[in-house]
Amino acid sequence: MTYIDGFVLAVPTANRDAFRKHAEWSATIFKEHGAVTVVECWGDDVPDGKLTSFPMAVQKKDDETVVFAWIVWPSRPARDEGMKKVEADPRVQANVNPMPFDGKRMIFGGFEVLVEV
């Protein structure tokens, strides 16, 4: 069964084009190392919450946009192996492909697929 890595982050709105380029470039590397699909979504209708919300979770600033993203892997073992390869790949090192956002506020996790229709 497929396995999903999910991400929520805040990106400076002015960095939209830089983020898109970063995401496209990174997606190529993830796919080379076993990912099936990489999806990056730019927030369009992401309301602030009173108790919880995507903006609150990533401490979004007024000049930022929430991004919701996921990577589909064939399985958890494929993801574990692929992520090790991605992390070791010199093309994704910060000095080669710097993130155009504050990575400390990125939320991420791995998820077992429960329902897929």
PDB file of N, CA and C in Angstrom:
ATOM      1  N   MET A   1       0.840  -1.187   0.000  1.00  0.00           N
ATOM      2  CA  MET A   1       0.000   0.000   0.000  1.00  0.00           C
ATOM      3  C   MET A   1       0.886   1.251   0.000  1.00  0.00           C
ATOM      4  N   THR A   2       0.428   2.291  -0.670  1.00  0.00           N
ATOM      5  CA  THR A   2       1.210   3.525  -0.776  1.00  0.00           C
ATOM      6  C   THR A   2       1.413   4.169   0.590  1.00  0.00           C
ATOM      7  N   TYR A   3       2.409   5.024   0.650  1.00  0.00           N
ATOM      8  CA  TYR A   3       2.761   5.736   1.873  1.00  0.00           C
ATOM      9  C   TYR A   3       2.916   7.204   1.509  1.00  0.00           C
ATOM     10  N   ILE A   4       2.487   8.093   2.415  1.00  0.00           N
ATOM     11  CA  ILE A   4       2.464   9.527   2.124  1.00  0.00           C
ATOM     12  C   ILE A   4       3.320  10.294   3.120  1.00  0.00           C
ATOM     13  N   ASP A   5       4.159  11.191   2.623  1.00  0.00           N
ATOM     14  CA  ASP A   5       4.799  12.195   3.460  1.00  0.00           C
ATOM     15  C   ASP A   5       4.016  13.477   3.246  1.00  0.00           C
ATOM     16  N   GLY A   6       3.545  14.092   4.322  1.00  0.00           N
ATOM     17  CA  GLY A   6       2.765  15.316   4.228  1.00  0.00           C
ATOM     18  C   GLY A   6       3.503  16.496   4.836  1.00  0.00           C
ATOM     19  N   PHE A   7       3.253  17.683   4.293  1.00  0.00           N
ATOM     20  CA  PHE A   7       3.950  18.894   4.713  1.00  0.00           C
ATOM     21  C   PHE A   7       2.996  20.088   4.724  1.00  0.00           C
ATOM     22  N   VAL A   8       3.163  20.957   5.691  1.00  0.00           N
ATOM     23  CA  VAL A   8       2.488  22.258   5.720  1.00  0.00           C
ATOM     24  C   VAL A   8       3.567  23.268   6.080  1.00  0.00           C
ATOM     25  N   LEU A   9       3.648  24.364   5.338  1.00  0.00           N
ATOM     26  CA  LEU A   9       4.673  25.368   5.591  1.00  0.00           C
ATOM     27  C   LEU A   9       4.171  26.738   5.180  1.00  0.00           C
ATOM     28  N   ALA A  10       4.870  27.762   5.655  1.00  0.00           N
ATOM     29  CA  ALA A  10       4.561  29.144   5.284  1.00  0.00           C
ATOM     30  C   ALA A  10       5.698  29.657   4.412  1.00  0.00           C
ATOM     31  N   VAL A  11       5.332  30.216   3.273  1.00  0.00           N
ATOM     32  CA  VAL A  11       6.323  30.724   2.320  1.00  0.00           C
ATOM     33  C   VAL A  11       6.064  32.215   2.119  1.00  0.00           C
ATOM     34  N   PRO A  12       7.103  33.045   2.180  1.00  0.00           N
ATOM     35  CA  PRO A  12       6.879  34.458   1.860  1.00  0.00           C
ATOM     36  C   PRO A  12       6.197  34.575   0.492  1.00  0.00           C
ATOM     37  N   THR A  13       5.099  35.280   0.455  1.00  0.00           N
ATOM     38  CA  THR A  13       4.320  35.404  -0.776  1.00  0.00           C
ATOM     39  C   THR A  13       5.174  35.909  -1.929  1.00  0.00           C
ATOM     40  N   ALA A  14       6.093  36.786  -1.644  1.00  0.00           N
ATOM     41  CA  ALA A  14       6.983  37.324  -2.686  1.00  0.00           C
ATOM     42  C   ALA A  14       7.904  36.240  -3.261  1.00  0.00           C
ATOM     43  N   ASN A  15       8.052  35.125  -2.566  1.00  0.00           N
ATOM     44  CA  ASN A  15       8.925  34.041  -3.024  1.00  0.00           C
ATOM     45  C   ASN A  15       8.184  32.948  -3.797  1.00  0.00           C
ATOM     46  N   ARG A  16       6.970  33.227  -4.244  1.00  0.00           N
ATOM     47  CA  ARG A  16       6.181  32.207  -4.921  1.00  0.00           C
ATOM     48  C   ARG A  16       6.941  31.576  -6.094  1.00  0.00           C
ATOM     49  N   ASP A  17       7.491  32.379  -6.984  1.00  0.00           N
ATOM     50  CA  ASP A  17       8.205  31.836  -8.146  1.00  0.00           C
ATOM     51  C   ASP A  17       9.454  31.069  -7.722  1.00  0.00           C
ATOM     52  N   ALA A  18      10.191  31.603  -6.761  1.00  0.00           N
ATOM     53  CA  ALA A  18      11.380  30.905  -6.267  1.00  0.00           C
ATOM     54  C   ALA A  18      10.985  29.585  -5.620  1.00  0.00           C
ATOM     55  N   PHE A  19       9.875  29.584  -4.883  1.00  0.00           N
ATOM     56  CA  PHE A  19       9.407  28.345  -4.255  1.00  0.00           C
ATOM     57  C   PHE A  19       9.004  27.325  -5.322  1.00  0.00           C
ATOM     58  N   ARG A  20       8.267  27.776  -6.329  1.00  0.00           N
ATOM     59  CA  ARG A  20       7.853  26.859  -7.406  1.00  0.00           C
ATOM     60  C   ARG A  20       9.072  26.216  -8.058  1.00  0.00           C
ATOM     61  N   LYS A  21      10.078  27.007  -8.369  1.00  0.00           N
ATOM     62  CA  LYS A  21      11.303  26.463  -8.978  1.00  0.00           C
ATOM     63  C   LYS A  21      11.985  25.477  -8.030  1.00  0.00           C
ATOM     64  N   HIS A  22      12.079  25.838  -6.756  1.00  0.00           N
ATOM     65  CA  HIS A  22      12.671  24.963  -5.750  1.00  0.00           C
ATOM     66  C   HIS A  22      11.889  23.644  -5.668  1.00  0.00           C
ATOM     67  N   ALA A  23      10.571  23.740  -5.648  1.00  0.00           N
ATOM     68  CA  ALA A  23       9.721  22.551  -5.532  1.00  0.00           C
ATOM     69  C   ALA A  23       9.832  21.659  -6.770  1.00  0.00           C
ATOM     70  N   GLU A  24       9.837  22.256  -7.952  1.00  0.00           N
ATOM     71  CA  GLU A  24       9.965  21.462  -9.178  1.00  0.00           C
ATOM     72  C   GLU A  24      11.308  20.742  -9.219  1.00  0.00           C
ATOM     73  N   TRP A  25      12.359  21.446  -8.864  1.00  0.00           N
ATOM     74  CA  TRP A  25      13.700  20.875  -8.875  1.00  0.00           C
ATOM     75  C   TRP A  25      13.801  19.747  -7.854  1.00  0.00           C
ATOM     76  N   SER A  26      13.282  20.001  -6.635  1.00  0.00           N
ATOM     77  CA  SER A  26      13.320  18.991  -5.587  1.00  0.00           C
ATOM     78  C   SER A  26      12.468  17.782  -5.945  1.00  0.00           C
ATOM     79  N   ALA A  27      11.322  18.006  -6.576  1.00  0.00           N
ATOM     80  CA  ALA A  27      10.439  16.901  -6.961  1.00  0.00           C
ATOM     81  C   ALA A  27      11.146  15.938  -7.906  1.00  0.00           C
ATOM     82  N   THR A  28      11.926  16.471  -8.810  1.00  0.00           N
ATOM     83  CA  THR A  28      12.686  15.624  -9.734  1.00  0.00           C
ATOM     84  C   THR A  28      13.609  14.689  -8.957  1.00  0.00           C
ATOM     85  N   ILE A  29      14.249  15.225  -7.936  1.00  0.00           N
ATOM     86  CA  ILE A  29      15.172  14.419  -7.131  1.00  0.00           C
ATOM     87  C   ILE A  29      14.415  13.372  -6.325  1.00  0.00           C
ATOM     88  N   PHE A  30      13.293  13.755  -5.713  1.00  0.00           N
ATOM     89  CA  PHE A  30      12.479  12.781  -4.977  1.00  0.00           C
ATOM     90  C   PHE A  30      12.037  11.641  -5.900  1.00  0.00           C
ATOM     91  N   LYS A  31      11.615  11.987  -7.098  1.00  0.00           N
ATOM     92  CA  LYS A  31      11.159  10.949  -8.032  1.00  0.00           C
ATOM     93  C   LYS A  31      12.309  10.051  -8.479  1.00  0.00           C
ATOM     94  N   GLU A  32      13.499  10.614  -8.639  1.00  0.00           N
ATOM     95  CA  GLU A  32      14.662   9.790  -8.978  1.00  0.00           C
ATOM     96  C   GLU A  32      14.951   8.759  -7.889  1.00  0.00           C
ATOM     97  N   HIS A  33      14.575   9.102  -6.653  1.00  0.00           N
ATOM     98  CA  HIS A  33      14.855   8.218  -5.524  1.00  0.00           C
ATOM     99  C   HIS A  33      13.627   7.429  -5.069  1.00  0.00           C
ATOM    100  N   GLY A  34      12.629   7.298  -5.941  1.00  0.00           N
ATOM    101  CA  GLY A  34      11.529   6.372  -5.667  1.00  0.00           C
ATOM    102  C   GLY A  34      10.152   6.946  -5.443  1.00  0.00           C
ATOM    103  N   ALA A  35      10.012   8.253  -5.300  1.00  0.00           N
ATOM    104  CA  ALA A  35       8.678   8.825  -5.115  1.00  0.00           C
ATOM    105  C   ALA A  35       7.846   8.623  -6.371  1.00  0.00           C
ATOM    106  N   VAL A  36       6.567   8.375  -6.181  1.00  0.00           N
ATOM    107  CA  VAL A  36       5.642   8.179  -7.300  1.00  0.00           C
ATOM    108  C   VAL A  36       5.118   9.536  -7.783  1.00  0.00           C
ATOM    109  N   THR A  37       4.730  10.382  -6.832  1.00  0.00           N
ATOM    110  CA  THR A  37       4.132  11.683  -7.141  1.00  0.00           C
ATOM    111  C   THR A  37       4.563  12.696  -6.085  1.00  0.00           C
ATOM    112  N   VAL A  38       4.773  13.929  -6.519  1.00  0.00           N
ATOM    113  CA  VAL A  38       5.042  15.033  -5.601  1.00  0.00           C
ATOM    114  C   VAL A  38       4.049  16.139  -5.947  1.00  0.00           C
ATOM    115  N   VAL A  39       3.314  16.613  -4.935  1.00  0.00           N
ATOM    116  CA  VAL A  39       2.301  17.653  -5.146  1.00  0.00           C
ATOM    117  C   VAL A  39       2.592  18.812  -4.199  1.00  0.00           C
ATOM    118  N   GLU A  40       2.630  20.024  -4.733  1.00  0.00           N
ATOM    119  CA  GLU A  40       2.837  21.242  -3.949  1.00  0.00           C
ATOM    120  C   GLU A  40       1.655  22.168  -4.237  1.00  0.00           C
ATOM    121  N   CYS A  41       0.933  22.578  -3.202  1.00  0.00           N
ATOM    122  CA  CYS A  41      -0.269  23.394  -3.373  1.00  0.00           C
ATOM    123  C   CYS A  41      -0.096  24.744  -2.683  1.00  0.00           C
ATOM    124  N   TRP A  42      -0.312  25.826  -3.435  1.00  0.00           N
ATOM    125  CA  TRP A  42      -0.207  27.194  -2.928  1.00  0.00           C
ATOM    126  C   TRP A  42      -1.558  27.605  -2.348  1.00  0.00           C
ATOM    127  N   GLY A  43      -1.573  28.020  -1.095  1.00  0.00           N
ATOM    128  CA  GLY A  43      -2.823  28.364  -0.419  1.00  0.00           C
ATOM    129  C   GLY A  43      -3.617  29.435  -1.137  1.00  0.00           C
ATOM    130  N   ASP A  44      -4.908  29.175  -1.288  1.00  0.00           N
ATOM    131  CA  ASP A  44      -5.811  30.083  -1.975  1.00  0.00           C
ATOM    132  C   ASP A  44      -6.993  30.453  -1.065  1.00  0.00           C
ATOM    133  N   ASP A  45      -7.435  29.509  -0.254  1.00  0.00           N
ATOM    134  CA  ASP A  45      -8.566  29.712   0.648  1.00  0.00           C
ATOM    135  C   ASP A  45      -8.227  29.009   1.964  1.00  0.00           C
ATOM    136  N   VAL A  46      -7.320  29.614   2.733  1.00  0.00           N
ATOM    137  CA  VAL A  46      -6.804  29.008   3.963  1.00  0.00           C
ATOM    138  C   VAL A  46      -7.097  29.975   5.113  1.00  0.00           C
ATOM    139  N   PRO A  47      -8.260  29.830   5.737  1.00  0.00           N
ATOM    140  CA  PRO A  47      -8.663  30.808   6.747  1.00  0.00           C
ATOM    141  C   PRO A  47      -7.867  30.699   8.051  1.00  0.00           C
ATOM    142  N   ASP A  48      -7.752  31.830   8.718  1.00  0.00           N
ATOM    143  CA  ASP A  48      -7.193  31.843  10.067  1.00  0.00           C
ATOM    144  C   ASP A  48      -8.205  31.176  10.984  1.00  0.00           C
ATOM    145  N   GLY A  49      -7.727  30.510  12.002  1.00  0.00           N
ATOM    146  CA  GLY A  49      -8.620  29.857  12.947  1.00  0.00           C
ATOM    147  C   GLY A  49      -8.663  30.593  14.269  1.00  0.00           C
ATOM    148  N   LYS A  50      -9.576  30.165  15.120  1.00  0.00           N
ATOM    149  CA  LYS A  50      -9.652  30.720  16.474  1.00  0.00           C
ATOM    150  C   LYS A  50      -8.919  29.822  17.456  1.00  0.00           C
ATOM    151  N   LEU A  51      -8.968  28.512  17.207  1.00  0.00           N
ATOM    152  CA  LEU A  51      -8.308  27.553  18.087  1.00  0.00           C
ATOM    153  C   LEU A  51      -7.159  26.851  17.367  1.00  0.00           C
ATOM    154  N   THR A  52      -7.424  26.375  16.139  1.00  0.00           N
ATOM    155  CA  THR A  52      -6.400  25.739  15.316  1.00  0.00           C
ATOM    156  C   THR A  52      -6.621  26.115  13.856  1.00  0.00           C
ATOM    157  N   SER A  53      -5.581  26.038  13.074  1.00  0.00           N
ATOM    158  CA  SER A  53      -5.676  26.279  11.642  1.00  0.00           C
ATOM    159  C   SER A  53      -4.306  26.027  11.027  1.00  0.00           C
ATOM    160  N   PHE A  54      -4.277  25.891   9.708  1.00  0.00           N
ATOM    161  CA  PHE A  54      -2.988  25.785   9.029  1.00  0.00           C
ATOM    162  C   PHE A  54      -2.128  27.022   9.297  1.00  0.00           C
ATOM    163  N   PRO A  55      -2.681  28.250   9.146  1.00  0.00           N
ATOM    164  CA  PRO A  55      -1.845  29.428   9.409  1.00  0.00           C
ATOM    165  C   PRO A  55      -1.274  29.456  10.823  1.00  0.00           C
ATOM    166  N   MET A  56      -2.070  29.069  11.802  1.00  0.00           N
ATOM    167  CA  MET A  56      -1.587  29.072  13.181  1.00  0.00           C
ATOM    168  C   MET A  56      -0.514  28.004  13.378  1.00  0.00           C
ATOM    169  N   ALA A  57      -0.701  26.867  12.763  1.00  0.00           N
ATOM    170  CA  ALA A  57       0.227  25.750  12.945  1.00  0.00           C
ATOM    171  C   ALA A  57       1.638  26.103  12.464  1.00  0.00           C
ATOM    172  N   VAL A  58       1.730  26.880  11.394  1.00  0.00           N
ATOM    173  CA  VAL A  58       3.054  27.233  10.840  1.00  0.00           C
ATOM    174  C   VAL A  58       3.471  28.658  11.205  1.00  0.00           C
ATOM    175  N   GLN A  59       2.729  29.278  12.108  1.00  0.00           N
ATOM    176  CA  GLN A  59       3.015  30.649  12.545  1.00  0.00           C
ATOM    177  C   GLN A  59       3.149  31.595  11.358  1.00  0.00           C
ATOM    178  N   LYS A  60       2.171  31.512  10.447  1.00  0.00           N
ATOM    179  CA  LYS A  60       2.170  32.323   9.225  1.00  0.00           C
ATOM    180  C   LYS A  60       2.159  33.810   9.557  1.00  0.00           C
ATOM    181  N   LYS A  61       3.014  34.531   8.863  1.00  0.00           N
ATOM    182  CA  LYS A  61       3.063  35.988   8.990  1.00  0.00           C
ATOM    183  C   LYS A  61       2.170  36.604   7.919  1.00  0.00           C
ATOM    184  N   ASP A  62       1.866  37.883   8.064  1.00  0.00           N
ATOM    185  CA  ASP A  62       0.960  38.557   7.133  1.00  0.00           C
ATOM    186  C   ASP A  62       1.445  38.524   5.685  1.00  0.00           C
ATOM    187  N   ASP A  63       2.745  38.490   5.493  1.00  0.00           N
ATOM    188  CA  ASP A  63       3.296  38.507   4.132  1.00  0.00           C
ATOM    189  C   ASP A  63       3.647  37.101   3.624  1.00  0.00           C
ATOM    190  N   GLU A  64       3.011  36.077   4.192  1.00  0.00           N
ATOM    191  CA  GLU A  64       3.286  34.695   3.801  1.00  0.00           C
ATOM    192  C   GLU A  64       2.025  33.988   3.340  1.00  0.00           C
ATOM    193  N   THR A  65       2.224  32.893   2.622  1.00  0.00           N
ATOM    194  CA  THR A  65       1.140  32.043   2.130  1.00  0.00           C
ATOM    195  C   THR A  65       1.398  30.624   2.610  1.00  0.00           C
ATOM    196  N   VAL A  66       0.330  29.936   2.989  1.00  0.00           N
ATOM    197  CA  VAL A  66       0.455  28.542   3.426  1.00  0.00           C
ATOM    198  C   VAL A  66       0.583  27.637   2.207  1.00  0.00           C
ATOM    199  N   VAL A  67       1.510  26.696   2.291  1.00  0.00           N
ATOM    200  CA  VAL A  67       1.677  25.667   1.266  1.00  0.00           C
ATOM    201  C   VAL A  67       1.356  24.320   1.904  1.00  0.00           C
ATOM    202  N   PHE A  68       0.593  23.508   1.187  1.00  0.00           N
ATOM    203  CA  PHE A  68       0.228  22.160   1.606  1.00  0.00           C
ATOM    204  C   PHE A  68       0.788  21.229   0.544  1.00  0.00           C
ATOM    205  N   ALA A  69       1.568  20.255   0.960  1.00  0.00           N
ATOM    206  CA  ALA A  69       2.255  19.409  -0.016  1.00  0.00           C
ATOM    207  C   ALA A  69       2.279  17.961   0.458  1.00  0.00           C
ATOM    208  N   TRP A  70       2.460  17.059  -0.502  1.00  0.00           N
ATOM    209  CA  TRP A  70       2.625  15.663  -0.143  1.00  0.00           C
ATOM    210  C   TRP A  70       3.430  14.945  -1.206  1.00  0.00           C
ATOM    211  N   ILE A  71       4.069  13.864  -0.742  1.00  0.00           N
ATOM    212  CA  ILE A  71       4.831  12.982  -1.620  1.00  0.00           C
ATOM    213  C   ILE A  71       4.241  11.594  -1.475  1.00  0.00           C
ATOM    214  N   VAL A  72       3.946  10.962  -2.599  1.00  0.00           N
ATOM    215  CA  VAL A  72       3.416   9.597  -2.595  1.00  0.00           C
ATOM    216  C   VAL A  72       4.568   8.640  -2.887  1.00  0.00           C
ATOM    217  N   TRP A  73       4.687   7.633  -2.037  1.00  0.00           N
ATOM    218  CA  TRP A  73       5.701   6.596  -2.182  1.00  0.00           C
ATOM    219  C   TRP A  73       5.003   5.253  -2.393  1.00  0.00           C
ATOM    220  N   PRO A  74       5.647   4.291  -3.023  1.00  0.00           N
ATOM    221  CA  PRO A  74       5.021   2.983  -3.229  1.00  0.00           C
ATOM    222  C   PRO A  74       4.732   2.243  -1.920  1.00  0.00           C
ATOM    223  N   SER A  75       5.543   2.506  -0.871  1.00  0.00           N
ATOM    224  CA  SER A  75       5.387   1.808   0.404  1.00  0.00           C
ATOM    225  C   SER A  75       6.231   2.524   1.454  1.00  0.00           C
ATOM    226  N   ARG A  76       6.038   2.167   2.707  1.00  0.00           N
ATOM    227  CA  ARG A  76       6.866   2.738   3.779  1.00  0.00           C
ATOM    228  C   ARG A  76       8.341   2.359   3.603  1.00  0.00           C
ATOM    229  N   PRO A  77       8.664   1.089   3.306  1.00  0.00           N
ATOM    230  CA  PRO A  77      10.076   0.769   3.094  1.00  0.00           C
ATOM    231  C   PRO A  77      10.686   1.554   1.925  1.00  0.00           C
ATOM    232  N   ALA A  78       9.921   1.746   0.849  1.00  0.00           N
ATOM    233  CA  ALA A  78      10.423   2.527  -0.288  1.00  0.00           C
ATOM    234  C   ALA A  78      10.660   3.971   0.130  1.00  0.00           C
ATOM    235  N   ARG A  79       9.780   4.493   0.961  1.00  0.00           N
ATOM    236  CA  ARG A  79       9.944   5.868   1.460  1.00  0.00           C
ATOM    237  C   ARG A  79      11.180   5.982   2.335  1.00  0.00           C
ATOM    238  N   ASP A  80      11.355   5.039   3.257  1.00  0.00           N
ATOM    239  CA  ASP A  80      12.507   5.100   4.153  1.00  0.00           C
ATOM    240  C   ASP A  80      13.817   5.043   3.364  1.00  0.00           C
ATOM    241  N   GLU A  81      13.882   4.161   2.398  1.00  0.00           N
ATOM    242  CA  GLU A  81      15.078   4.035   1.559  1.00  0.00           C
ATOM    243  C   GLU A  81      15.260   5.279   0.688  1.00  0.00           C
ATOM    244  N   GLY A  82      14.162   5.738   0.074  1.00  0.00           N
ATOM    245  CA  GLY A  82      14.224   6.911  -0.795  1.00  0.00           C
ATOM    246  C   GLY A  82      14.620   8.174  -0.050  1.00  0.00           C
ATOM    247  N   MET A  83      14.079   8.365   1.160  1.00  0.00           N
ATOM    248  CA  MET A  83      14.415   9.559   1.937  1.00  0.00           C
ATOM    249  C   MET A  83      15.886   9.559   2.342  1.00  0.00           C
ATOM    250  N   LYS A  84      16.438   8.400   2.673  1.00  0.00           N
ATOM    251  CA  LYS A  84      17.871   8.326   2.985  1.00  0.00           C
ATOM    252  C   LYS A  84      18.693   8.778   1.780  1.00  0.00           C
ATOM    253  N   LYS A  85      18.285   8.332   0.594  1.00  0.00           N
ATOM    254  CA  LYS A  85      18.999   8.713  -0.625  1.00  0.00           C
ATOM    255  C   LYS A  85      18.846  10.207  -0.914  1.00  0.00           C
ATOM    256  N   VAL A  86      17.640  10.729  -0.706  1.00  0.00           N
ATOM    257  CA  VAL A  86      17.409  12.162  -0.933  1.00  0.00           C
ATOM    258  C   VAL A  86      18.278  12.979   0.025  1.00  0.00           C
ATOM    259  N   GLU A  87      18.264  12.618   1.304  1.00  0.00           N
ATOM    260  CA  GLU A  87      19.036  13.378   2.293  1.00  0.00           C
ATOM    261  C   GLU A  87      20.536  13.333   2.011  1.00  0.00           C
ATOM    262  N   ALA A  88      21.007  12.251   1.392  1.00  0.00           N
ATOM    263  CA  ALA A  88      22.431  12.123   1.064  1.00  0.00           C
ATOM    264  C   ALA A  88      22.789  12.743  -0.285  1.00  0.00           C
ATOM    265  N   ASP A  89      21.783  13.072  -1.078  1.00  0.00           N
ATOM    266  CA  ASP A  89      22.016  13.596  -2.420  1.00  0.00           C
ATOM    267  C   ASP A  89      22.615  15.000  -2.328  1.00  0.00           C
ATOM    268  N   PRO A  90      23.781  15.222  -2.913  1.00  0.00           N
ATOM    269  CA  PRO A  90      24.418  16.545  -2.809  1.00  0.00           C
ATOM    270  C   PRO A  90      23.600  17.669  -3.454  1.00  0.00           C
ATOM    271  N   ARG A  91      22.685  17.344  -4.342  1.00  0.00           N
ATOM    272  CA  ARG A  91      21.884  18.378  -5.008  1.00  0.00           C
ATOM    273  C   ARG A  91      20.864  19.027  -4.087  1.00  0.00           C
ATOM    274  N   VAL A  92      20.539  18.409  -2.964  1.00  0.00           N
ATOM    275  CA  VAL A  92      19.533  18.994  -2.075  1.00  0.00           C
ATOM    276  C   VAL A  92      20.144  19.676  -0.851  1.00  0.00           C
ATOM    277  N   GLN A  93      21.430  19.784  -0.808  1.00  0.00           N
ATOM    278  CA  GLN A  93      22.084  20.453   0.318  1.00  0.00           C
ATOM    279  C   GLN A  93      21.755  21.952   0.279  1.00  0.00           C
ATOM    280  N   ALA A  94      21.651  22.539   1.450  1.00  0.00           N
ATOM    281  CA  ALA A  94      21.217  23.939   1.574  1.00  0.00           C
ATOM    282  C   ALA A  94      22.066  24.912   0.770  1.00  0.00           C
ATOM    283  N   ASN A  95      23.360  24.637   0.633  1.00  0.00           N
ATOM    284  CA  ASN A  95      24.208  25.560  -0.123  1.00  0.00           C
ATOM    285  C   ASN A  95      24.005  25.428  -1.630  1.00  0.00           C
ATOM    286  N   VAL A  96      23.375  24.337  -2.084  1.00  0.00           N
ATOM    287  CA  VAL A  96      23.118  24.117  -3.509  1.00  0.00           C
ATOM    288  C   VAL A  96      21.681  24.524  -3.866  1.00  0.00           C
ATOM    289  N   ASN A  97      20.727  24.144  -3.025  1.00  0.00           N
ATOM    290  CA  ASN A  97      19.308  24.402  -3.283  1.00  0.00           C
ATOM    291  C   ASN A  97      18.673  24.961  -2.008  1.00  0.00           C
ATOM    292  N   PRO A  98      18.964  26.220  -1.652  1.00  0.00           N
ATOM    293  CA  PRO A  98      18.433  26.781  -0.408  1.00  0.00           C
ATOM    294  C   PRO A  98      16.914  26.886  -0.437  1.00  0.00           C
ATOM    295  N   MET A  99      16.302  26.606   0.701  1.00  0.00           N
ATOM    296  CA  MET A  99      14.842  26.686   0.800  1.00  0.00           C
ATOM    297  C   MET A  99      14.419  28.154   0.848  1.00  0.00           C
ATOM    298  N   PRO A 100      13.457  28.561   0.009  1.00  0.00           N
ATOM    299  CA  PRO A 100      12.996  29.953   0.025  1.00  0.00           C
ATOM    300  C   PRO A 100      11.893  30.183   1.070  1.00  0.00           C
ATOM    301  N   PHE A 101      12.050  29.556   2.246  1.00  0.00           N
ATOM    302  CA  PHE A 101      11.099  29.680   3.345  1.00  0.00           C
ATOM    303  C   PHE A 101      11.818  29.258   4.627  1.00  0.00           C
ATOM    304  N   ASP A 102      11.178  29.491   5.760  1.00  0.00           N
ATOM    305  CA  ASP A 102      11.746  29.133   7.058  1.00  0.00           C
ATOM    306  C   ASP A 102      11.408  27.677   7.369  1.00  0.00           C
ATOM    307  N   GLY A 103      12.367  26.804   7.168  1.00  0.00           N
ATOM    308  CA  GLY A 103      12.154  25.376   7.373  1.00  0.00           C
ATOM    309  C   GLY A 103      11.866  24.991   8.811  1.00  0.00           C
ATOM    310  N   LYS A 104      12.199  25.845   9.764  1.00  0.00           N
ATOM    311  CA  LYS A 104      11.930  25.538  11.174  1.00  0.00           C
ATOM    312  C   LYS A 104      10.434  25.546  11.479  1.00  0.00           C
ATOM    313  N   ARG A 105       9.647  26.213  10.623  1.00  0.00           N
ATOM    314  CA  ARG A 105       8.199  26.264  10.860  1.00  0.00           C
ATOM    315  C   ARG A 105       7.437  25.282   9.981  1.00  0.00           C
ATOM    316  N   MET A 106       8.150  24.426   9.277  1.00  0.00           N
ATOM    317  CA  MET A 106       7.504  23.413   8.437  1.00  0.00           C
ATOM    318  C   MET A 106       7.043  22.253   9.315  1.00  0.00           C
ATOM    319  N   ILE A 107       5.825  21.806   9.077  1.00  0.00           N
ATOM    320  CA  ILE A 107       5.281  20.642   9.769  1.00  0.00           C
ATOM    321  C   ILE A 107       5.316  19.495   8.775  1.00  0.00           C
ATOM    322  N   PHE A 108       5.751  18.326   9.225  1.00  0.00           N
ATOM    323  CA  PHE A 108       5.827  17.193   8.309  1.00  0.00           C
ATOM    324  C   PHE A 108       5.613  15.896   9.065  1.00  0.00           C
ATOM    325  N   GLY A 109       5.234  14.883   8.336  1.00  0.00           N
ATOM    326  CA  GLY A 109       5.053  13.563   8.934  1.00  0.00           C
ATOM    327  C   GLY A 109       4.754  12.531   7.869  1.00  0.00           C
ATOM    328  N   GLY A 110       4.932  11.271   8.236  1.00  0.00           N
ATOM    329  CA  GLY A 110       4.643  10.160   7.349  1.00  0.00           C
ATOM    330  C   GLY A 110       3.315   9.524   7.714  1.00  0.00           C
ATOM    331  N   PHE A 111       2.568   9.125   6.691  1.00  0.00           N
ATOM    332  CA  PHE A 111       1.221   8.614   6.904  1.00  0.00           C
ATOM    333  C   PHE A 111       0.955   7.338   6.122  1.00  0.00           C
ATOM    334  N   GLU A 112       0.411   6.369   6.814  1.00  0.00           N
ATOM    335  CA  GLU A 112      -0.063   5.138   6.197  1.00  0.00           C
ATOM    336  C   GLU A 112      -1.432   5.445   5.588  1.00  0.00           C
ATOM    337  N   VAL A 113      -1.653   5.032   4.360  1.00  0.00           N
ATOM    338  CA  VAL A 113      -2.925   5.283   3.701  1.00  0.00           C
ATOM    339  C   VAL A 113      -3.996   4.399   4.345  1.00  0.00           C
ATOM    340  N   LEU A 114      -5.084   5.017   4.771  1.00  0.00           N
ATOM    341  CA  LEU A 114      -6.188   4.298   5.395  1.00  0.00           C
ATOM    342  C   LEU A 114      -7.307   4.028   4.393  1.00  0.00           C
ATOM    343  N   VAL A 115      -7.625   5.059   3.605  1.00  0.00           N
ATOM    344  CA  VAL A 115      -8.658   4.933   2.565  1.00  0.00           C
ATOM    345  C   VAL A 115      -8.125   5.601   1.312  1.00  0.00           C
ATOM    346  N   GLU A 116      -8.230   4.906   0.186  1.00  0.00           N
ATOM    347  CA  GLU A 116      -7.831   5.478  -1.105  1.00  0.00           C
ATOM    348  C   GLU A 116      -8.863   5.028  -2.119  1.00  0.00           C
ATOM    349  N   VAL A 117      -9.633   5.972  -2.624  1.00  0.00           N
ATOM    350  CA  VAL A 117     -10.730   5.641  -3.536  1.00  0.00           C
ATOM    351  C   VAL A 117     -10.377   6.069  -4.948  1.00  0.00           C
TER     352      VAL A 117
END
